[in-house]
Protein backbone atom coordinates (compact mmCIF):
# COMPACT_ATOMS: atom_id res chain seq x y z
CA MET A 1 -27.39 -6.59 -61.86
CA PRO A 2 -24.13 -7.00 -63.85
CA THR A 3 -21.81 -9.80 -62.73
CA THR A 4 -18.57 -11.22 -64.00
CA LYS A 5 -18.45 -14.94 -64.76
CA GLY A 6 -18.06 -16.97 -61.62
CA SER A 7 -18.48 -14.07 -59.19
CA ALA A 8 -21.30 -13.10 -56.88
CA PRO A 9 -23.34 -9.99 -57.72
CA LYS A 10 -21.96 -6.80 -56.15
CA PRO A 11 -24.17 -5.21 -53.48
CA ALA A 12 -26.13 -2.15 -54.64
CA SER A 13 -23.85 0.10 -52.58
CA HIS A 14 -20.94 -0.93 -54.83
CA MET A 15 -22.77 -0.26 -58.09
CA ILE A 16 -22.85 3.05 -59.92
CA TYR A 17 -25.50 4.43 -62.23
CA GLN A 18 -24.35 6.55 -65.16
CA LEU A 19 -27.17 8.96 -65.96
CA LYS A 20 -27.69 11.38 -68.82
CA VAL A 21 -29.80 14.34 -67.71
CA THR A 22 -31.28 16.44 -70.53
CA LEU A 23 -33.31 19.61 -70.10
CA GLN A 24 -36.36 18.87 -72.26
CA ASP A 25 -37.06 21.10 -75.30
CA SER A 26 -33.79 23.03 -74.92
CA LYS A 27 -32.33 23.84 -78.34
CA PRO A 28 -29.43 23.36 -78.60
CA PRO A 29 -29.60 20.71 -75.86
CA ILE A 30 -28.52 21.45 -72.28
CA TRP A 31 -27.38 18.21 -70.65
CA ARG A 32 -25.15 16.57 -68.04
CA ARG A 33 -23.68 13.06 -67.70
CA ILE A 34 -23.24 11.99 -64.08
CA GLN A 35 -22.37 8.94 -62.02
CA VAL A 36 -24.13 8.30 -58.71
CA PRO A 37 -24.44 5.37 -56.28
CA ALA A 38 -27.14 2.91 -57.36
CA ASP A 39 -28.86 2.97 -53.98
CA ILE A 40 -29.04 6.76 -53.58
CA THR A 41 -32.42 8.15 -52.51
CA LEU A 42 -34.35 10.41 -54.87
CA SER A 43 -34.05 13.12 -52.22
CA LYS A 44 -30.26 13.02 -52.52
CA LEU A 45 -30.48 12.75 -56.31
CA HIS A 46 -32.53 15.98 -56.28
CA HIS A 47 -29.65 17.84 -54.60
CA ILE A 48 -27.16 16.37 -57.07
CA LEU A 49 -29.33 17.44 -60.03
CA GLN A 50 -29.61 20.96 -58.63
CA THR A 51 -25.82 21.12 -58.39
CA VAL A 52 -24.90 19.67 -61.78
CA MET A 53 -27.55 21.61 -63.70
CA GLY A 54 -26.87 24.89 -61.90
CA TRP A 55 -30.26 25.50 -60.29
CA SER A 56 -30.56 27.26 -56.91
CA ASP A 57 -33.09 24.88 -55.25
CA SER A 58 -35.51 27.74 -54.62
CA HIS A 59 -38.62 26.09 -56.12
CA LEU A 60 -40.66 22.91 -55.75
CA HIS A 61 -39.71 19.76 -57.63
CA GLN A 62 -40.89 16.23 -58.32
CA PHE A 63 -39.76 13.00 -59.95
CA ILE A 64 -42.18 11.31 -62.34
CA VAL A 65 -41.79 7.56 -62.90
CA GLY A 66 -44.58 6.28 -65.12
CA ASP A 67 -47.77 7.29 -63.29
CA THR A 68 -46.05 7.71 -59.91
CA PHE A 69 -44.95 11.07 -58.49
CA TYR A 70 -42.14 11.33 -55.93
CA GLY A 71 -41.42 14.47 -53.97
CA ILE A 72 -41.76 15.93 -50.50
CA PRO A 73 -45.34 15.08 -49.49
CA ASP A 74 -47.36 17.78 -47.77
CA PRO A 75 -50.03 16.12 -45.62
CA ASP A 76 -52.00 19.41 -45.55
CA SER A 77 -52.30 19.60 -49.33
CA ALA A 78 -54.99 17.67 -51.19
CA MET A 79 -52.78 17.79 -54.29
CA ASP A 80 -50.01 15.86 -52.53
CA MET A 81 -52.18 12.91 -51.49
CA ASP A 82 -50.67 10.79 -54.29
CA THR A 83 -47.07 11.96 -53.89
CA GLU A 84 -44.66 9.25 -52.73
CA ASN A 85 -41.89 10.27 -50.33
CA GLU A 86 -38.69 10.78 -52.36
CA GLY A 87 -36.63 10.22 -49.20
CA ARG A 88 -37.77 6.61 -49.08
CA ALA A 89 -37.37 5.79 -52.79
CA LYS A 90 -34.03 4.62 -54.13
CA LEU A 91 -32.74 5.11 -57.64
CA ASN A 92 -32.20 1.40 -58.28
CA GLN A 93 -35.80 0.72 -57.20
CA ILE A 94 -37.45 3.20 -59.57
CA ALA A 95 -35.01 2.61 -62.46
CA PRO A 96 -33.87 -1.01 -62.09
CA ALA A 97 -32.15 -1.49 -65.45
CA GLU A 98 -30.04 0.19 -68.12
CA LYS A 99 -32.12 2.25 -70.57
CA SER A 100 -34.69 3.03 -67.83
CA LYS A 101 -36.05 6.59 -68.15
CA PHE A 102 -37.83 8.90 -65.77
CA ASP A 103 -38.46 12.63 -65.41
CA TYR A 104 -37.47 15.33 -62.96
CA GLU A 105 -39.47 18.56 -62.92
CA TYR A 106 -38.13 21.65 -61.21
CA ASP A 107 -40.09 24.87 -60.61
CA PHE A 108 -43.75 24.16 -61.33
CA GLY A 109 -44.20 27.72 -62.65
CA ASP A 110 -41.40 27.63 -65.24
CA SER A 111 -41.74 23.83 -65.50
CA TRP A 112 -38.15 22.83 -66.21
CA GLU A 113 -38.55 19.20 -67.27
CA HIS A 114 -35.49 16.97 -67.31
CA ARG A 115 -35.39 13.52 -68.90
CA ILE A 116 -33.09 11.15 -67.02
CA LEU A 117 -31.75 8.09 -68.85
CA VAL A 118 -29.86 5.26 -67.15
CA GLU A 119 -27.04 4.82 -69.66
CA LYS A 120 -24.98 2.26 -67.75
CA ILE A 121 -24.86 0.35 -64.47
CA LEU A 122 -21.23 -0.15 -63.50
CA PRO A 123 -19.17 -1.42 -60.57
CA ALA A 124 -17.76 1.46 -58.50
CA GLU A 125 -14.14 2.25 -59.32
CA GLU A 126 -11.70 1.77 -56.47
CA GLY A 127 -10.82 5.13 -54.92
CA ALA A 128 -13.38 7.08 -56.97
CA GLN A 129 -15.68 9.55 -55.20
CA TYR A 130 -19.33 9.75 -56.15
CA PRO A 131 -21.39 11.64 -57.23
CA LEU A 132 -19.28 12.66 -60.20
CA CYS A 133 -20.06 14.74 -63.29
CA LEU A 134 -18.33 13.35 -66.39
CA ASN A 135 -19.34 15.99 -68.92
CA GLY A 136 -22.14 18.15 -70.23
CA LYS A 137 -23.04 21.00 -72.52
CA ARG A 138 -24.22 24.58 -72.04
CA ALA A 139 -25.13 26.73 -69.10
CA CYS A 140 -28.22 26.33 -66.98
CA PRO A 141 -30.86 28.98 -67.77
CA PRO A 142 -31.30 31.71 -65.14
CA GLU A 143 -33.90 31.01 -62.45
CA ASP A 144 -37.35 32.55 -63.05
CA VAL A 145 -36.68 33.32 -66.72
CA GLY A 146 -40.05 31.84 -67.73
CA GLY A 147 -39.31 28.27 -68.80
CA VAL A 148 -37.91 27.19 -72.16
CA GLY A 149 -39.93 29.82 -74.08
CA GLY A 150 -38.85 32.61 -71.73
CA TYR A 151 -35.24 31.44 -71.99
CA ASP A 152 -35.39 31.62 -75.81
CA GLU A 153 -36.68 35.21 -75.56
CA PHE A 154 -34.01 36.04 -72.97
CA LEU A 155 -31.23 34.74 -75.26
CA GLU A 156 -32.62 36.70 -78.18
CA ALA A 157 -32.61 39.90 -76.07
CA ILE A 158 -29.08 39.54 -74.66
CA GLN A 159 -27.54 38.61 -78.01
CA ASP A 160 -29.04 41.57 -79.92
CA ALA A 161 -27.79 44.99 -78.82
CA ASP A 162 -30.72 46.58 -80.72
CA HIS A 163 -33.34 44.51 -78.91
CA PRO A 164 -35.59 46.78 -76.76
CA ASP A 165 -35.01 44.56 -73.67
CA HIS A 166 -31.26 44.08 -74.21
CA GLU A 167 -29.94 46.25 -71.37
CA GLU A 168 -32.69 45.27 -68.93
CA MET A 169 -32.11 41.52 -69.49
CA LEU A 170 -28.33 41.85 -69.12
CA GLU A 171 -28.79 43.74 -65.88
CA TRP A 172 -31.43 41.28 -64.59
CA ALA A 173 -29.34 38.15 -65.20
CA ASP A 174 -25.63 38.77 -65.29
CA GLU A 175 -23.69 40.80 -67.82
CA ASP A 176 -21.26 37.87 -68.13
CA PHE A 177 -23.94 35.22 -68.76
CA ASP A 178 -22.67 32.85 -71.45
CA PRO A 179 -25.23 30.28 -72.68
CA GLU A 180 -22.38 28.05 -73.94
CA ALA A 181 -20.51 27.98 -70.61
CA PHE A 182 -19.96 24.67 -68.85
CA ASP A 183 -17.42 24.33 -66.04
CA LEU A 184 -16.86 20.66 -65.23
CA GLU A 185 -14.24 21.37 -62.55
CA ALA A 186 -16.52 23.81 -60.69
CA ILE A 187 -19.43 21.33 -60.80
CA ASN A 188 -17.31 18.51 -59.36
CA LYS A 189 -15.97 20.80 -56.63
CA ALA A 190 -19.57 21.66 -55.69
CA LEU A 191 -20.54 17.96 -55.71
CA LYS A 192 -17.76 17.19 -53.20
CA LYS A 193 -19.33 19.71 -50.79
CA LEU A 194 -22.72 17.93 -50.82
CA LYS A 195 -23.48 16.02 -47.62
């Protein structure tokens, strides 16, 4: 834990993690840089990731830290026997140091895999509200588009008026869909509404 010379370490509740979240295999990269409390649970981090990336939280998810899976365990499912409860795991426990990495998978069908890197561990700034999105690049793909491969095909179709699926894809998603769009102000407004 970072300290200044001659001072006691700050409690975890006063430390902030700066995370870079990158959607794996997206070309060009789709990413977000966020700051969150060090002692946030993975359950709360899930809701923050949904907000900053632009997902609708309509599919299953899990965090993968080494060989350990964190999610919402289902005692009736044999598959979930080895899933740790994300509501009991804190960020600073599963990623204790700068440069720690772990994964977040959303939608097991489309398999949106996000790599999360702890860039910095910082003292909280006086008066600042967390979570906070600092910056990012590109729009989140539409839900249910078929993963990274499906998204590539979707982009090809909407950007080529002669493509046989052009009209259908525009109608399915949103005629105004812009893959380069990123609205930092809107993301931070949405983060303030999270409980």
